[in-house]
N, C-alpha and C. Protein backbone atom coordinates (compact mmCIF):
# COMPACT_ATOMS: atom_id res chain seq x y z
N MET A 1 46.47 -2.27 -51.98
CA MET A 1 45.84 -2.19 -50.68
C MET A 1 44.42 -1.66 -50.83
N GLU A 2 43.51 -2.29 -50.08
CA GLU A 2 42.12 -1.87 -50.18
C GLU A 2 41.88 -0.61 -49.36
N THR A 3 41.10 0.29 -49.93
CA THR A 3 40.75 1.53 -49.22
C THR A 3 39.57 1.24 -48.29
N PRO A 4 39.34 2.11 -47.29
CA PRO A 4 38.18 1.91 -46.41
C PRO A 4 36.87 1.84 -47.20
N SER A 5 36.76 2.62 -48.27
CA SER A 5 35.55 2.60 -49.09
C SER A 5 35.37 1.23 -49.74
N ASN A 6 36.45 0.66 -50.27
CA ASN A 6 36.38 -0.66 -50.91
C ASN A 6 36.07 -1.75 -49.89
N ILE A 7 36.64 -1.63 -48.69
CA ILE A 7 36.37 -2.60 -47.64
C ILE A 7 34.90 -2.55 -47.24
N TYR A 8 34.35 -1.33 -47.13
CA TYR A 8 32.92 -1.20 -46.81
C TYR A 8 32.07 -1.85 -47.89
N LEU A 9 32.34 -1.54 -49.15
CA LEU A 9 31.56 -2.11 -50.25
C LEU A 9 31.62 -3.63 -50.26
N LYS A 10 32.76 -4.17 -49.87
CA LYS A 10 32.93 -5.63 -49.91
C LYS A 10 32.30 -6.34 -48.72
N TYR A 11 32.39 -5.75 -47.53
CA TYR A 11 31.99 -6.49 -46.32
C TYR A 11 30.85 -5.88 -45.50
N CYS A 12 30.56 -4.61 -45.64
CA CYS A 12 29.67 -3.94 -44.67
C CYS A 12 28.41 -3.39 -45.30
N ASN A 13 27.96 -3.94 -46.37
CA ASN A 13 26.79 -3.37 -47.02
C ASN A 13 25.59 -4.32 -47.00
N ASP A 14 25.56 -5.24 -46.11
CA ASP A 14 24.47 -6.20 -46.02
C ASP A 14 23.64 -5.93 -44.77
N PHE A 15 22.32 -6.02 -44.93
CA PHE A 15 21.43 -5.93 -43.79
C PHE A 15 21.17 -7.34 -43.27
N GLN A 16 21.02 -7.48 -41.97
CA GLN A 16 20.73 -8.79 -41.38
C GLN A 16 19.66 -8.60 -40.30
N ASN A 17 18.42 -8.46 -40.72
CA ASN A 17 17.31 -8.20 -39.82
C ASN A 17 16.15 -9.08 -40.29
N ALA A 18 15.87 -10.16 -39.57
CA ALA A 18 14.87 -11.14 -40.02
C ALA A 18 13.46 -10.56 -40.16
N PRO A 19 12.98 -9.70 -39.23
CA PRO A 19 11.66 -9.12 -39.45
C PRO A 19 11.60 -8.25 -40.72
N LEU A 20 12.67 -7.52 -40.99
CA LEU A 20 12.73 -6.76 -42.23
C LEU A 20 12.72 -7.71 -43.42
N GLY A 21 13.47 -8.79 -43.34
CA GLY A 21 13.47 -9.80 -44.40
C GLY A 21 12.09 -10.38 -44.62
N ALA A 22 11.33 -10.59 -43.54
CA ALA A 22 9.97 -11.12 -43.65
C ALA A 22 9.08 -10.15 -44.44
N TYR A 23 9.22 -8.88 -44.15
CA TYR A 23 8.43 -7.88 -44.85
C TYR A 23 8.84 -7.80 -46.33
N ILE A 24 10.12 -7.90 -46.59
CA ILE A 24 10.62 -7.89 -47.98
C ILE A 24 10.05 -9.08 -48.75
N ILE A 25 10.02 -10.24 -48.11
CA ILE A 25 9.45 -11.43 -48.75
C ILE A 25 7.97 -11.21 -49.06
N ALA A 26 7.25 -10.64 -48.11
CA ALA A 26 5.82 -10.39 -48.31
C ALA A 26 5.59 -9.37 -49.43
N LYS A 27 6.39 -8.30 -49.48
CA LYS A 27 6.24 -7.29 -50.54
C LYS A 27 6.58 -7.88 -51.90
N PHE A 28 7.65 -8.66 -51.97
CA PHE A 28 8.00 -9.33 -53.23
C PHE A 28 6.83 -10.19 -53.69
N THR A 29 6.30 -11.00 -52.78
CA THR A 29 5.20 -11.91 -53.10
C THR A 29 3.97 -11.13 -53.55
N GLU A 30 3.65 -10.06 -52.83
CA GLU A 30 2.49 -9.23 -53.18
C GLU A 30 2.63 -8.69 -54.61
N TYR A 31 3.76 -8.11 -54.94
CA TYR A 31 3.95 -7.52 -56.27
C TYR A 31 4.08 -8.57 -57.36
N PHE A 32 4.59 -9.73 -57.01
CA PHE A 32 4.64 -10.84 -57.96
C PHE A 32 3.22 -11.19 -58.39
N TYR A 33 2.34 -11.41 -57.41
CA TYR A 33 0.98 -11.82 -57.73
C TYR A 33 0.17 -10.69 -58.37
N LYS A 34 0.41 -9.45 -57.99
CA LYS A 34 -0.30 -8.32 -58.60
C LYS A 34 0.06 -8.16 -60.08
N ASN A 35 1.26 -8.54 -60.46
CA ASN A 35 1.75 -8.29 -61.81
C ASN A 35 1.81 -9.51 -62.71
N SER A 36 1.53 -10.68 -62.16
CA SER A 36 1.62 -11.91 -62.95
C SER A 36 0.46 -11.97 -63.95
N LYS A 37 0.80 -12.30 -65.18
CA LYS A 37 -0.21 -12.44 -66.23
C LYS A 37 -0.66 -13.88 -66.37
N THR A 38 -0.12 -14.76 -65.54
CA THR A 38 -0.48 -16.17 -65.58
C THR A 38 -0.83 -16.62 -64.16
N ASP A 39 -1.00 -17.90 -63.99
CA ASP A 39 -1.30 -18.43 -62.66
C ASP A 39 -0.04 -18.96 -61.96
N ARG A 40 1.13 -18.50 -62.41
CA ARG A 40 2.40 -18.92 -61.80
C ARG A 40 2.42 -18.53 -60.33
N LYS A 41 3.17 -19.28 -59.57
CA LYS A 41 3.29 -19.04 -58.13
C LYS A 41 4.72 -18.65 -57.77
N VAL A 42 4.86 -17.97 -56.65
CA VAL A 42 6.18 -17.69 -56.10
C VAL A 42 6.72 -19.02 -55.57
N ASN A 43 7.86 -19.41 -56.06
CA ASN A 43 8.50 -20.63 -55.64
C ASN A 43 9.45 -20.30 -54.49
N ILE A 44 9.66 -21.23 -53.60
CA ILE A 44 10.57 -20.98 -52.47
C ILE A 44 11.97 -20.61 -52.97
N ILE A 45 12.34 -21.07 -54.16
CA ILE A 45 13.64 -20.72 -54.73
C ILE A 45 13.70 -19.22 -55.03
N HIS A 46 12.53 -18.62 -55.37
CA HIS A 46 12.51 -17.17 -55.55
C HIS A 46 13.02 -16.47 -54.28
N ILE A 47 12.56 -16.93 -53.14
CA ILE A 47 12.92 -16.27 -51.88
C ILE A 47 14.42 -16.34 -51.65
N PHE A 48 14.99 -17.51 -51.82
CA PHE A 48 16.43 -17.65 -51.61
C PHE A 48 17.24 -16.90 -52.67
N SER A 49 16.62 -16.58 -53.78
CA SER A 49 17.29 -15.86 -54.86
C SER A 49 17.18 -14.35 -54.73
N ILE A 50 16.03 -13.86 -54.29
CA ILE A 50 15.84 -12.40 -54.29
C ILE A 50 16.28 -11.73 -52.99
N VAL A 51 16.19 -12.41 -51.87
CA VAL A 51 16.56 -11.78 -50.60
C VAL A 51 18.00 -11.25 -50.63
N PRO A 52 18.98 -12.04 -51.07
CA PRO A 52 20.35 -11.50 -51.10
C PRO A 52 20.49 -10.30 -52.04
N MET A 53 19.75 -10.34 -53.14
CA MET A 53 19.84 -9.24 -54.10
C MET A 53 19.30 -7.94 -53.51
N ILE A 54 18.27 -8.03 -52.73
CA ILE A 54 17.67 -6.84 -52.13
C ILE A 54 18.52 -6.32 -50.98
N LEU A 55 19.04 -7.21 -50.17
CA LEU A 55 19.74 -6.77 -48.97
C LEU A 55 21.19 -6.36 -49.19
N ASN A 56 21.79 -6.79 -50.27
CA ASN A 56 23.16 -6.40 -50.57
C ASN A 56 23.11 -5.17 -51.47
N SER A 57 23.74 -4.09 -51.04
CA SER A 57 23.63 -2.83 -51.79
C SER A 57 24.22 -2.91 -53.18
N ASN A 58 25.26 -3.70 -53.38
CA ASN A 58 25.84 -3.82 -54.72
C ASN A 58 24.82 -4.40 -55.71
N TYR A 59 24.10 -5.43 -55.29
CA TYR A 59 23.08 -6.02 -56.15
C TYR A 59 21.86 -5.13 -56.23
N ARG A 60 21.46 -4.55 -55.11
CA ARG A 60 20.28 -3.68 -55.09
C ARG A 60 20.45 -2.53 -56.07
N ASN A 61 21.67 -2.01 -56.18
CA ASN A 61 21.92 -0.91 -57.11
C ASN A 61 21.74 -1.34 -58.56
N CYS A 62 21.81 -2.62 -58.84
CA CYS A 62 21.60 -3.12 -60.20
C CYS A 62 20.11 -3.16 -60.57
N ILE A 63 19.24 -3.20 -59.57
CA ILE A 63 17.81 -3.37 -59.83
C ILE A 63 17.21 -2.14 -60.50
N GLY A 64 17.39 -0.99 -59.87
CA GLY A 64 16.86 0.25 -60.44
C GLY A 64 15.41 0.13 -60.84
N LYS A 65 15.09 0.68 -61.98
CA LYS A 65 13.72 0.64 -62.50
C LYS A 65 13.65 -0.22 -63.76
N LYS A 66 14.32 -1.34 -63.71
CA LYS A 66 14.35 -2.24 -64.86
C LYS A 66 12.94 -2.70 -65.20
N THR A 67 12.67 -2.82 -66.50
CA THR A 67 11.35 -3.25 -66.92
C THR A 67 11.35 -4.67 -67.50
N VAL A 68 12.53 -5.17 -67.83
CA VAL A 68 12.63 -6.55 -68.30
C VAL A 68 13.78 -7.24 -67.57
N ILE A 69 13.63 -8.51 -67.36
CA ILE A 69 14.60 -9.28 -66.56
C ILE A 69 15.98 -9.29 -67.21
N TYR A 70 16.04 -9.24 -68.54
CA TYR A 70 17.34 -9.29 -69.21
C TYR A 70 18.17 -8.03 -68.95
N SER A 71 17.51 -6.90 -68.70
CA SER A 71 18.27 -5.70 -68.35
C SER A 71 18.88 -5.84 -66.95
N LEU A 72 18.22 -6.56 -66.07
CA LEU A 72 18.77 -6.84 -64.74
C LEU A 72 19.97 -7.78 -64.87
N ILE A 73 19.84 -8.80 -65.68
CA ILE A 73 20.95 -9.74 -65.90
C ILE A 73 22.17 -8.99 -66.43
N LYS A 74 21.94 -8.14 -67.41
CA LYS A 74 23.03 -7.36 -68.01
C LYS A 74 23.68 -6.46 -66.97
N SER A 75 22.89 -5.80 -66.15
CA SER A 75 23.40 -4.91 -65.11
C SER A 75 24.27 -5.67 -64.10
N ILE A 76 23.82 -6.85 -63.69
CA ILE A 76 24.58 -7.67 -62.74
C ILE A 76 25.88 -8.15 -63.37
N ASN A 77 25.81 -8.62 -64.61
CA ASN A 77 26.99 -9.18 -65.26
C ASN A 77 28.00 -8.13 -65.69
N GLU A 78 27.58 -6.88 -65.83
CA GLU A 78 28.50 -5.83 -66.24
C GLU A 78 29.06 -5.04 -65.05
N ASN A 79 28.58 -5.32 -63.86
CA ASN A 79 29.03 -4.60 -62.66
C ASN A 79 30.20 -5.37 -62.05
N LYS A 80 31.34 -4.70 -61.90
CA LYS A 80 32.53 -5.40 -61.37
C LYS A 80 32.36 -5.83 -59.91
N LEU A 81 31.42 -5.22 -59.19
CA LEU A 81 31.19 -5.61 -57.80
C LEU A 81 30.24 -6.81 -57.67
N THR A 82 29.53 -7.14 -58.74
CA THR A 82 28.57 -8.24 -58.67
C THR A 82 28.88 -9.40 -59.61
N PHE A 83 29.61 -9.14 -60.65
CA PHE A 83 29.85 -10.17 -61.67
C PHE A 83 30.43 -11.45 -61.06
N GLY A 84 29.77 -12.55 -61.33
CA GLY A 84 30.28 -13.87 -60.94
C GLY A 84 30.17 -14.20 -59.46
N SER A 85 29.50 -13.39 -58.67
CA SER A 85 29.46 -13.65 -57.22
C SER A 85 28.06 -13.96 -56.69
N TYR A 86 27.09 -14.12 -57.57
CA TYR A 86 25.71 -14.31 -57.10
C TYR A 86 25.52 -15.65 -56.39
N GLN A 87 26.16 -16.70 -56.86
CA GLN A 87 26.07 -18.00 -56.19
C GLN A 87 26.58 -17.87 -54.75
N GLU A 88 27.71 -17.22 -54.59
CA GLU A 88 28.28 -17.00 -53.26
C GLU A 88 27.33 -16.19 -52.37
N MET A 89 26.67 -15.19 -52.95
CA MET A 89 25.74 -14.35 -52.19
C MET A 89 24.54 -15.17 -51.73
N ILE A 90 24.01 -16.02 -52.59
CA ILE A 90 22.89 -16.87 -52.21
C ILE A 90 23.30 -17.80 -51.08
N ASP A 91 24.47 -18.41 -51.20
CA ASP A 91 24.97 -19.31 -50.16
C ASP A 91 25.16 -18.56 -48.85
N ARG A 92 25.68 -17.37 -48.92
CA ARG A 92 25.93 -16.57 -47.72
C ARG A 92 24.65 -16.20 -46.99
N TYR A 93 23.57 -16.01 -47.74
CA TYR A 93 22.30 -15.57 -47.17
C TYR A 93 21.31 -16.70 -46.91
N LYS A 94 21.70 -17.94 -47.11
CA LYS A 94 20.76 -19.07 -46.96
C LYS A 94 20.05 -19.07 -45.60
N GLU A 95 20.83 -19.02 -44.53
CA GLU A 95 20.23 -19.08 -43.20
C GLU A 95 19.38 -17.84 -42.91
N TYR A 96 19.87 -16.69 -43.33
CA TYR A 96 19.11 -15.46 -43.13
C TYR A 96 17.78 -15.52 -43.90
N SER A 97 17.82 -15.98 -45.14
CA SER A 97 16.61 -16.09 -45.95
C SER A 97 15.61 -17.03 -45.29
N MET A 98 16.10 -18.16 -44.78
CA MET A 98 15.22 -19.12 -44.10
C MET A 98 14.61 -18.50 -42.85
N CYS A 99 15.43 -17.82 -42.07
CA CYS A 99 14.93 -17.17 -40.86
C CYS A 99 13.87 -16.12 -41.20
N SER A 100 14.11 -15.34 -42.25
CA SER A 100 13.14 -14.33 -42.68
C SER A 100 11.85 -14.97 -43.15
N LEU A 101 11.95 -16.10 -43.86
CA LEU A 101 10.77 -16.81 -44.32
C LEU A 101 9.97 -17.34 -43.13
N ILE A 102 10.66 -17.86 -42.14
CA ILE A 102 9.98 -18.35 -40.92
C ILE A 102 9.27 -17.20 -40.22
N PHE A 103 9.92 -16.04 -40.12
CA PHE A 103 9.27 -14.86 -39.54
C PHE A 103 8.01 -14.51 -40.33
N ALA A 104 8.10 -14.50 -41.66
CA ALA A 104 6.95 -14.15 -42.49
C ALA A 104 5.80 -15.14 -42.28
N LEU A 105 6.15 -16.43 -42.14
CA LEU A 105 5.13 -17.45 -41.87
C LEU A 105 4.50 -17.24 -40.50
N ARG A 106 5.33 -17.04 -39.48
CA ARG A 106 4.83 -16.88 -38.11
C ARG A 106 4.00 -15.62 -37.93
N LEU A 107 4.33 -14.57 -38.69
CA LEU A 107 3.57 -13.33 -38.63
C LEU A 107 2.29 -13.38 -39.46
N GLY A 108 2.11 -14.46 -40.22
CA GLY A 108 0.92 -14.61 -41.05
C GLY A 108 0.95 -13.77 -42.31
N LEU A 109 2.14 -13.33 -42.73
CA LEU A 109 2.24 -12.55 -43.96
C LEU A 109 2.15 -13.44 -45.20
N VAL A 110 2.75 -14.62 -45.10
CA VAL A 110 2.74 -15.57 -46.21
C VAL A 110 2.43 -16.96 -45.68
N GLY A 111 2.11 -17.85 -46.59
CA GLY A 111 1.90 -19.25 -46.26
C GLY A 111 2.66 -20.09 -47.28
N ILE A 112 2.73 -21.38 -47.02
CA ILE A 112 3.43 -22.28 -47.93
C ILE A 112 2.46 -23.38 -48.36
N ASP A 113 2.44 -23.66 -49.65
CA ASP A 113 1.68 -24.77 -50.20
C ASP A 113 2.65 -25.57 -51.07
N GLY A 114 3.18 -26.64 -50.51
CA GLY A 114 4.21 -27.41 -51.21
C GLY A 114 5.48 -26.59 -51.29
N HIS A 115 5.89 -26.23 -52.50
CA HIS A 115 7.09 -25.40 -52.66
C HIS A 115 6.72 -23.98 -53.09
N ASN A 116 5.42 -23.65 -53.00
CA ASN A 116 4.95 -22.33 -53.39
C ASN A 116 4.70 -21.44 -52.17
N ILE A 117 4.97 -20.16 -52.34
CA ILE A 117 4.72 -19.16 -51.31
C ILE A 117 3.44 -18.42 -51.68
N LEU A 118 2.52 -18.34 -50.74
CA LEU A 118 1.24 -17.68 -50.95
C LEU A 118 1.16 -16.45 -50.07
N LEU A 119 0.57 -15.40 -50.57
CA LEU A 119 0.36 -14.19 -49.78
C LEU A 119 -0.85 -14.40 -48.90
N LYS A 120 -0.71 -14.15 -47.60
CA LYS A 120 -1.80 -14.38 -46.66
C LYS A 120 -2.50 -13.09 -46.22
N THR A 121 -1.93 -11.96 -46.58
CA THR A 121 -2.51 -10.69 -46.17
C THR A 121 -2.59 -9.78 -47.38
N ASN A 122 -3.54 -8.89 -47.37
CA ASN A 122 -3.71 -7.96 -48.48
C ASN A 122 -3.38 -6.54 -48.03
N ASN A 123 -3.01 -5.74 -48.98
CA ASN A 123 -2.76 -4.32 -48.73
C ASN A 123 -1.69 -4.07 -47.68
N LEU A 124 -0.56 -4.67 -47.88
CA LEU A 124 0.58 -4.38 -47.01
C LEU A 124 0.96 -2.92 -47.18
N PRO A 125 1.24 -2.22 -46.10
CA PRO A 125 1.66 -0.83 -46.26
C PRO A 125 2.98 -0.77 -47.01
N SER A 126 3.14 0.29 -47.79
CA SER A 126 4.38 0.45 -48.54
C SER A 126 5.18 1.58 -47.90
N TYR A 127 6.46 1.44 -47.93
CA TYR A 127 7.35 2.44 -47.36
C TYR A 127 8.31 2.90 -48.44
N ASN A 128 8.69 4.14 -48.36
CA ASN A 128 9.61 4.69 -49.35
C ASN A 128 11.04 4.37 -48.93
N SER A 129 11.33 3.11 -48.82
CA SER A 129 12.66 2.63 -48.45
C SER A 129 13.24 1.95 -49.68
N ASN A 130 14.53 2.14 -49.91
CA ASN A 130 15.13 1.52 -51.09
C ASN A 130 15.03 0.00 -51.03
N LEU A 131 14.99 -0.60 -49.85
CA LEU A 131 14.83 -2.05 -49.73
C LEU A 131 13.43 -2.49 -50.15
N ILE A 132 12.43 -1.76 -49.72
CA ILE A 132 11.05 -2.11 -50.05
C ILE A 132 10.78 -1.86 -51.53
N VAL A 133 11.25 -0.74 -52.04
CA VAL A 133 11.08 -0.43 -53.46
C VAL A 133 11.75 -1.51 -54.31
N ALA A 134 12.93 -1.96 -53.90
CA ALA A 134 13.64 -3.02 -54.64
C ALA A 134 12.85 -4.32 -54.61
N SER A 135 12.25 -4.66 -53.47
CA SER A 135 11.48 -5.91 -53.40
C SER A 135 10.23 -5.82 -54.28
N GLU A 136 9.59 -4.66 -54.30
CA GLU A 136 8.43 -4.47 -55.18
C GLU A 136 8.84 -4.58 -56.65
N GLN A 137 9.96 -3.94 -57.00
CA GLN A 137 10.43 -3.98 -58.38
C GLN A 137 10.79 -5.40 -58.81
N LEU A 138 11.44 -6.15 -57.94
CA LEU A 138 11.76 -7.54 -58.28
C LEU A 138 10.50 -8.39 -58.41
N GLY A 139 9.50 -8.12 -57.59
CA GLY A 139 8.22 -8.82 -57.72
C GLY A 139 7.62 -8.58 -59.09
N ARG A 140 7.65 -7.32 -59.55
CA ARG A 140 7.16 -6.99 -60.90
C ARG A 140 7.96 -7.73 -61.97
N LEU A 141 9.28 -7.70 -61.83
CA LEU A 141 10.15 -8.31 -62.86
C LEU A 141 9.96 -9.82 -62.95
N PHE A 142 9.95 -10.48 -61.81
CA PHE A 142 9.89 -11.95 -61.81
C PHE A 142 8.48 -12.49 -62.02
N ALA A 143 7.47 -11.64 -61.95
CA ALA A 143 6.09 -12.10 -62.13
C ALA A 143 5.89 -12.76 -63.49
N ASN A 144 6.64 -12.31 -64.47
CA ASN A 144 6.48 -12.86 -65.83
C ASN A 144 7.80 -13.25 -66.44
N ALA A 145 8.78 -13.55 -65.59
CA ALA A 145 10.10 -13.96 -66.07
C ALA A 145 10.44 -15.35 -65.53
N ASP A 146 11.32 -16.01 -66.21
CA ASP A 146 11.74 -17.35 -65.82
C ASP A 146 12.89 -17.28 -64.82
N LEU A 147 12.63 -17.63 -63.59
CA LEU A 147 13.63 -17.59 -62.52
C LEU A 147 14.85 -18.44 -62.86
N PHE A 148 14.63 -19.63 -63.39
CA PHE A 148 15.74 -20.54 -63.63
C PHE A 148 16.65 -20.06 -64.75
N SER A 149 16.07 -19.42 -65.77
CA SER A 149 16.91 -18.81 -66.81
C SER A 149 17.72 -17.67 -66.23
N PHE A 150 17.09 -16.85 -65.39
CA PHE A 150 17.79 -15.75 -64.73
C PHE A 150 18.99 -16.28 -63.94
N LEU A 151 18.75 -17.29 -63.12
CA LEU A 151 19.83 -17.85 -62.30
C LEU A 151 20.97 -18.39 -63.16
N SER A 152 20.61 -19.03 -64.24
CA SER A 152 21.63 -19.57 -65.15
C SER A 152 22.46 -18.45 -65.76
N PHE A 153 21.82 -17.37 -66.19
CA PHE A 153 22.53 -16.25 -66.82
C PHE A 153 23.43 -15.51 -65.85
N VAL A 154 23.14 -15.55 -64.55
CA VAL A 154 24.02 -14.87 -63.58
C VAL A 154 24.97 -15.84 -62.90
N GLY A 155 25.04 -17.08 -63.39
CA GLY A 155 26.05 -18.02 -62.94
C GLY A 155 25.71 -18.86 -61.74
N VAL A 156 24.42 -19.03 -61.45
CA VAL A 156 24.01 -19.86 -60.31
C VAL A 156 23.69 -21.25 -60.82
N HIS A 157 24.22 -22.24 -60.13
CA HIS A 157 23.95 -23.64 -60.49
C HIS A 157 23.23 -24.31 -59.32
N LEU A 158 22.03 -24.78 -59.59
CA LEU A 158 21.24 -25.43 -58.53
C LEU A 158 21.60 -26.88 -58.41
């Protein structure tokens, strides 16, 4: 029988606030471009991949202060609450991620050029929130990491 704590961890640890999601997308994009050593762009697939990770506390707890993407992969794959469920999490958050992206576009935080996300504003204020810190950290990590390899290692099939 599941305990109330286990039920909470399984079902009640997700945020669903589109304006917050818009800000998370903008912060991820900002830190991606600040830390990229190449001319790579944020791909729309990044958004659908990182939003669930930031908003779900089980995945967010895996982010921490990782400095290389492979340590994040290892953390996700070794956590019994996250192992093998990332595809399901992305599917579950599809509509929310899209709604958050639309909010970010309408607010003028980001723009779209083909399949790339562009930052439209500079110097977004930072908040000491675990959600914002996680989005900044993921921006740093993915700025120089291969998104598609990451998705493959955590069991996502596009």
